[in-house]
């Protein structure tokens, strides 16, 4: 299952083990379980992406999540982390298009623009979703609720 650097985007099957590693880490509650997941992380991640720095960050992040129950934080930094975490899917989906457009100018700028576009996209999707939900639950022109038609009972 170890990957090579010959592909930029690994298939879902090739990275499924990474998902299971994270899941196992989330479920590990006692020391021996965390130790087993730690060993699996240290053994399987190196060489997968073909980028030692990236792999070191992944290993450090997983080990940190496994062994450190909480970290102190600053309110502003916590807020930023929450915004980025809540938009992470949208950042992931859009960065493939945004990052290459800006990376030739500056990789740091490409990162920042990719994050900003993903956060903006998440905000737009959230507003559209809220509007649709409100419309679904709201009242129509005749005062009836939108969505499912009301069932009437005939009295006999």
C-alpha atoms as a PDB file:
ATOM      1  CA  UNK A   1       0.000   0.000   0.000  1.00  0.00           C
ATOM      2  CA  UNK A   2       2.928   2.370   0.210  1.00  0.00           C
ATOM      3  CA  UNK A   3       2.638   4.993  -2.499  1.00  0.00           C
ATOM      4  CA  UNK A   4       5.187   6.542  -4.754  1.00  0.00           C
ATOM      5  CA  UNK A   5       5.801  10.067  -5.899  1.00  0.00           C
ATOM      6  CA  UNK A   6       4.733   9.203  -9.472  1.00  0.00           C
ATOM      7  CA  UNK A   7       1.191  10.551  -8.975  1.00  0.00           C
ATOM      8  CA  UNK A   8       0.124  13.968  -7.783  1.00  0.00           C
ATOM      9  CA  UNK A   9      -3.306  12.879  -6.567  1.00  0.00           C
ATOM     10  CA  UNK A  10      -3.480   9.396  -5.038  1.00  0.00           C
ATOM     11  CA  UNK A  11      -6.653   7.372  -5.578  1.00  0.00           C
ATOM     12  CA  UNK A  12      -9.131   6.870  -2.767  1.00  0.00           C
ATOM     13  CA  UNK A  13      -8.115   3.232  -2.457  1.00  0.00           C
ATOM     14  CA  UNK A  14      -4.444   4.161  -2.110  1.00  0.00           C
ATOM     15  CA  UNK A  15      -5.124   6.595   0.753  1.00  0.00           C
ATOM     16  CA  UNK A  16      -7.875   4.607   2.507  1.00  0.00           C
ATOM     17  CA  UNK A  17      -5.308   3.361   5.017  1.00  0.00           C
ATOM     18  CA  UNK A  18      -4.704   6.980   6.047  1.00  0.00           C
ATOM     19  CA  UNK A  19      -8.416   7.337   6.817  1.00  0.00           C
ATOM     20  CA  UNK A  20      -8.380   4.110   8.824  1.00  0.00           C
ATOM     21  CA  UNK A  21      -5.265   5.269  10.661  1.00  0.00           C
ATOM     22  CA  UNK A  22      -7.072   8.472  11.678  1.00  0.00           C
ATOM     23  CA  UNK A  23     -10.170   6.528  12.678  1.00  0.00           C
ATOM     24  CA  UNK A  24      -8.101   4.104  14.755  1.00  0.00           C
ATOM     25  CA  UNK A  25      -6.423   7.080  16.423  1.00  0.00           C
ATOM     26  CA  UNK A  26      -9.790   8.632  17.243  1.00  0.00           C
ATOM     27  CA  UNK A  27     -10.993   5.357  18.781  1.00  0.00           C
ATOM     28  CA  UNK A  28      -7.780   4.662  20.736  1.00  0.00           C
ATOM     29  CA  UNK A  29      -8.597   5.276  24.390  1.00  0.00           C
ATOM     30  CA  UNK A  30      -5.896   3.423  26.300  1.00  0.00           C
ATOM     31  CA  UNK A  31      -2.114   3.638  26.140  1.00  0.00           C
ATOM     32  CA  UNK A  32      -1.486   0.357  24.300  1.00  0.00           C
ATOM     33  CA  UNK A  33      -3.989   1.344  21.575  1.00  0.00           C
ATOM     34  CA  UNK A  34      -2.378   4.765  21.109  1.00  0.00           C
ATOM     35  CA  UNK A  35       1.048   3.080  21.023  1.00  0.00           C
ATOM     36  CA  UNK A  36      -0.131   0.639  18.329  1.00  0.00           C
ATOM     37  CA  UNK A  37      -1.537   3.460  16.191  1.00  0.00           C
ATOM     38  CA  UNK A  38       1.701   5.417  16.748  1.00  0.00           C
ATOM     39  CA  UNK A  39       3.786   2.501  15.486  1.00  0.00           C
ATOM     40  CA  UNK A  40       1.474   2.049  12.482  1.00  0.00           C
ATOM     41  CA  UNK A  41       1.835   5.765  11.706  1.00  0.00           C
ATOM     42  CA  UNK A  42       5.628   5.792  11.954  1.00  0.00           C
ATOM     43  CA  UNK A  43       5.908   2.619   9.833  1.00  0.00           C
ATOM     44  CA  UNK A  44       3.410   3.404   7.054  1.00  0.00           C
ATOM     45  CA  UNK A  45       3.613   7.151   6.389  1.00  0.00           C
ATOM     46  CA  UNK A  46       7.305   7.566   5.439  1.00  0.00           C
ATOM     47  CA  UNK A  47       7.732   7.214   1.684  1.00  0.00           C
ATOM     48  CA  UNK A  48       4.030   7.325   0.867  1.00  0.00           C
ATOM     49  CA  UNK A  49       3.923  10.818  -0.611  1.00  0.00           C
ATOM     50  CA  UNK A  50       7.564  10.987  -1.656  1.00  0.00           C
ATOM     51  CA  UNK A  51       7.885  14.290   0.214  1.00  0.00           C
ATOM     52  CA  UNK A  52       9.745  13.875   3.526  1.00  0.00           C
ATOM     53  CA  UNK A  53       8.661  17.249   4.952  1.00  0.00           C
ATOM     54  CA  UNK A  54       4.989  16.546   4.206  1.00  0.00           C
ATOM     55  CA  UNK A  55       5.270  13.088   5.703  1.00  0.00           C
ATOM     56  CA  UNK A  56       6.971  14.460   8.831  1.00  0.00           C
ATOM     57  CA  UNK A  57       4.120  16.952   9.303  1.00  0.00           C
ATOM     58  CA  UNK A  58       1.519  14.193   8.911  1.00  0.00           C
ATOM     59  CA  UNK A  59       3.348  11.949  11.399  1.00  0.00           C
ATOM     60  CA  UNK A  60       3.794  14.780  13.906  1.00  0.00           C
ATOM     61  CA  UNK A  61       0.147  15.806  13.565  1.00  0.00           C
ATOM     62  CA  UNK A  62      -1.169  12.290  14.100  1.00  0.00           C
ATOM     63  CA  UNK A  63       1.130  11.689  17.052  1.00  0.00           C
ATOM     64  CA  UNK A  64       0.122  15.035  18.563  1.00  0.00           C
ATOM     65  CA  UNK A  65      -3.566  14.145  18.215  1.00  0.00           C
ATOM     66  CA  UNK A  66      -2.913  10.750  19.796  1.00  0.00           C
ATOM     67  CA  UNK A  67      -0.889  11.821  22.810  1.00  0.00           C
ATOM     68  CA  UNK A  68      -1.834  15.417  23.686  1.00  0.00           C
ATOM     69  CA  UNK A  69      -5.415  15.703  24.964  1.00  0.00           C
ATOM     70  CA  UNK A  70      -5.609  19.495  24.697  1.00  0.00           C
ATOM     71  CA  UNK A  71      -3.503  22.509  23.929  1.00  0.00           C
ATOM     72  CA  UNK A  72      -3.845  26.061  25.210  1.00  0.00           C
ATOM     73  CA  UNK A  73      -4.889  28.541  22.588  1.00  0.00           C
ATOM     74  CA  UNK A  74      -5.456  32.194  21.919  1.00  0.00           C
ATOM     75  CA  UNK A  75      -9.032  33.297  21.168  1.00  0.00           C
ATOM     76  CA  UNK A  76      -8.131  34.875  17.816  1.00  0.00           C
ATOM     77  CA  UNK A  77      -6.103  31.879  16.732  1.00  0.00           C
ATOM     78  CA  UNK A  78      -8.850  29.512  17.875  1.00  0.00           C
ATOM     79  CA  UNK A  79     -11.390  31.501  15.836  1.00  0.00           C
ATOM     80  CA  UNK A  80      -9.178  31.338  12.728  1.00  0.00           C
ATOM     81  CA  UNK A  81      -8.631  27.608  13.209  1.00  0.00           C
ATOM     82  CA  UNK A  82     -12.389  27.084  13.550  1.00  0.00           C
ATOM     83  CA  UNK A  83     -13.106  29.052  10.357  1.00  0.00           C
ATOM     84  CA  UNK A  84     -10.487  27.098   8.404  1.00  0.00           C
ATOM     85  CA  UNK A  85     -11.615  23.770   9.857  1.00  0.00           C
ATOM     86  CA  UNK A  86     -15.272  24.408   9.034  1.00  0.00           C
ATOM     87  CA  UNK A  87     -14.320  25.378   5.470  1.00  0.00           C
ATOM     88  CA  UNK A  88     -11.750  22.605   4.996  1.00  0.00           C
ATOM     89  CA  UNK A  89     -13.842  20.610   2.527  1.00  0.00           C
ATOM     90  CA  UNK A  90     -14.436  23.703   0.393  1.00  0.00           C
ATOM     91  CA  UNK A  91     -10.761  24.682   0.620  1.00  0.00           C
ATOM     92  CA  UNK A  92      -9.817  21.195  -0.530  1.00  0.00           C
ATOM     93  CA  UNK A  93     -12.312  21.226  -3.402  1.00  0.00           C
ATOM     94  CA  UNK A  94     -11.270  24.652  -4.730  1.00  0.00           C
ATOM     95  CA  UNK A  95      -7.513  24.719  -4.118  1.00  0.00           C
ATOM     96  CA  UNK A  96      -6.797  22.426  -7.069  1.00  0.00           C
ATOM     97  CA  UNK A  97      -7.981  25.234  -9.353  1.00  0.00           C
ATOM     98  CA  UNK A  98      -6.705  28.254  -7.421  1.00  0.00           C
ATOM     99  CA  UNK A  99      -3.239  27.268  -6.204  1.00  0.00           C
ATOM    100  CA  UNK A 100      -1.681  26.626  -9.659  1.00  0.00           C
ATOM    101  CA  UNK A 101      -2.912  30.001 -10.937  1.00  0.00           C
ATOM    102  CA  UNK A 102      -1.031  31.942  -8.250  1.00  0.00           C
ATOM    103  CA  UNK A 103       1.866  29.620  -7.337  1.00  0.00           C
ATOM    104  CA  UNK A 104       4.158  30.976 -10.068  1.00  0.00           C
ATOM    105  CA  UNK A 105       4.010  34.402  -8.416  1.00  0.00           C
ATOM    106  CA  UNK A 106       4.299  33.269  -4.809  1.00  0.00           C
ATOM    107  CA  UNK A 107       3.584  29.951  -3.102  1.00  0.00           C
ATOM    108  CA  UNK A 108       2.671  31.759   0.118  1.00  0.00           C
ATOM    109  CA  UNK A 109       0.242  33.998  -1.747  1.00  0.00           C
ATOM    110  CA  UNK A 110      -1.160  30.935  -3.533  1.00  0.00           C
ATOM    111  CA  UNK A 111      -1.781  29.302  -0.156  1.00  0.00           C
ATOM    112  CA  UNK A 112      -3.479  32.393   1.271  1.00  0.00           C
ATOM    113  CA  UNK A 113      -5.629  32.907  -1.831  1.00  0.00           C
ATOM    114  CA  UNK A 114      -6.596  29.216  -1.842  1.00  0.00           C
ATOM    115  CA  UNK A 115      -7.658  29.449   1.805  1.00  0.00           C
ATOM    116  CA  UNK A 116      -9.614  32.656   1.198  1.00  0.00           C
ATOM    117  CA  UNK A 117     -11.437  31.262  -1.845  1.00  0.00           C
ATOM    118  CA  UNK A 118     -12.325  28.081   0.035  1.00  0.00           C
ATOM    119  CA  UNK A 119     -13.644  30.037   3.027  1.00  0.00           C
ATOM    120  CA  UNK A 120     -15.652  32.323   0.712  1.00  0.00           C
ATOM    121  CA  UNK A 121     -17.060  29.319  -1.149  1.00  0.00           C
ATOM    122  CA  UNK A 122     -18.068  27.720   2.165  1.00  0.00           C
ATOM    123  CA  UNK A 123     -19.820  30.948   3.188  1.00  0.00           C
ATOM    124  CA  UNK A 124     -21.748  31.127  -0.095  1.00  0.00           C
ATOM    125  CA  UNK A 125     -22.791  27.479   0.148  1.00  0.00           C
ATOM    126  CA  UNK A 126     -23.855  28.035   3.761  1.00  0.00           C
ATOM    127  CA  UNK A 127     -26.014  31.042   2.840  1.00  0.00           C
ATOM    128  CA  UNK A 128     -27.636  29.252  -0.087  1.00  0.00           C
ATOM    129  CA  UNK A 129     -28.286  26.227   2.091  1.00  0.00           C
ATOM    130  CA  UNK A 130     -29.837  28.417   4.820  1.00  0.00           C
ATOM    131  CA  UNK A 131     -32.017  30.234   2.279  1.00  0.00           C
ATOM    132  CA  UNK A 132     -33.235  26.968   0.793  1.00  0.00           C
ATOM    133  CA  UNK A 133     -33.917  25.539   4.237  1.00  0.00           C
ATOM    134  CA  UNK A 134     -35.860  28.669   5.242  1.00  0.00           C
ATOM    135  CA  UNK A 135     -37.854  28.555   2.020  1.00  0.00           C
ATOM    136  CA  UNK A 136     -38.615  24.869   2.523  1.00  0.00           C
ATOM    137  CA  UNK A 137     -39.850  25.537   6.073  1.00  0.00           C
ATOM    138  CA  UNK A 138     -41.403  28.927   5.357  1.00  0.00           C
ATOM    139  CA  UNK A 139     -44.886  29.838   4.230  1.00  0.00           C
ATOM    140  CA  UNK A 140     -46.048  29.979   0.639  1.00  0.00           C
ATOM    141  CA  UNK A 141     -48.254  32.719  -0.845  1.00  0.00           C
ATOM    142  CA  UNK A 142     -51.516  31.125   0.372  1.00  0.00           C
ATOM    143  CA  UNK A 143     -50.282  30.808   3.937  1.00  0.00           C
ATOM    144  CA  UNK A 144     -49.707  27.083   3.613  1.00  0.00           C
ATOM    145  CA  UNK A 145     -46.333  25.768   4.540  1.00  0.00           C
ATOM    146  CA  UNK A 146     -44.024  25.079   1.634  1.00  0.00           C
ATOM    147  CA  UNK A 147     -42.725  21.611   1.081  1.00  0.00           C
ATOM    148  CA  UNK A 148     -45.011  18.713   1.791  1.00  0.00           C
ATOM    149  CA  UNK A 149     -48.684  19.273   0.998  1.00  0.00           C
ATOM    150  CA  UNK A 150     -51.008  19.298   3.972  1.00  0.00           C
ATOM    151  CA  UNK A 151     -53.162  16.220   4.378  1.00  0.00           C
ATOM    152  CA  UNK A 152     -56.800  16.967   4.931  1.00  0.00           C
ATOM    153  CA  UNK A 153     -59.153  14.745   6.834  1.00  0.00           C
ATOM    154  CA  UNK A 154     -62.687  14.567   5.591  1.00  0.00           C
ATOM    155  CA  UNK A 155     -65.289  14.514   8.292  1.00  0.00           C
ATOM    156  CA  UNK A 156     -68.077  12.048   7.864  1.00  0.00           C
END
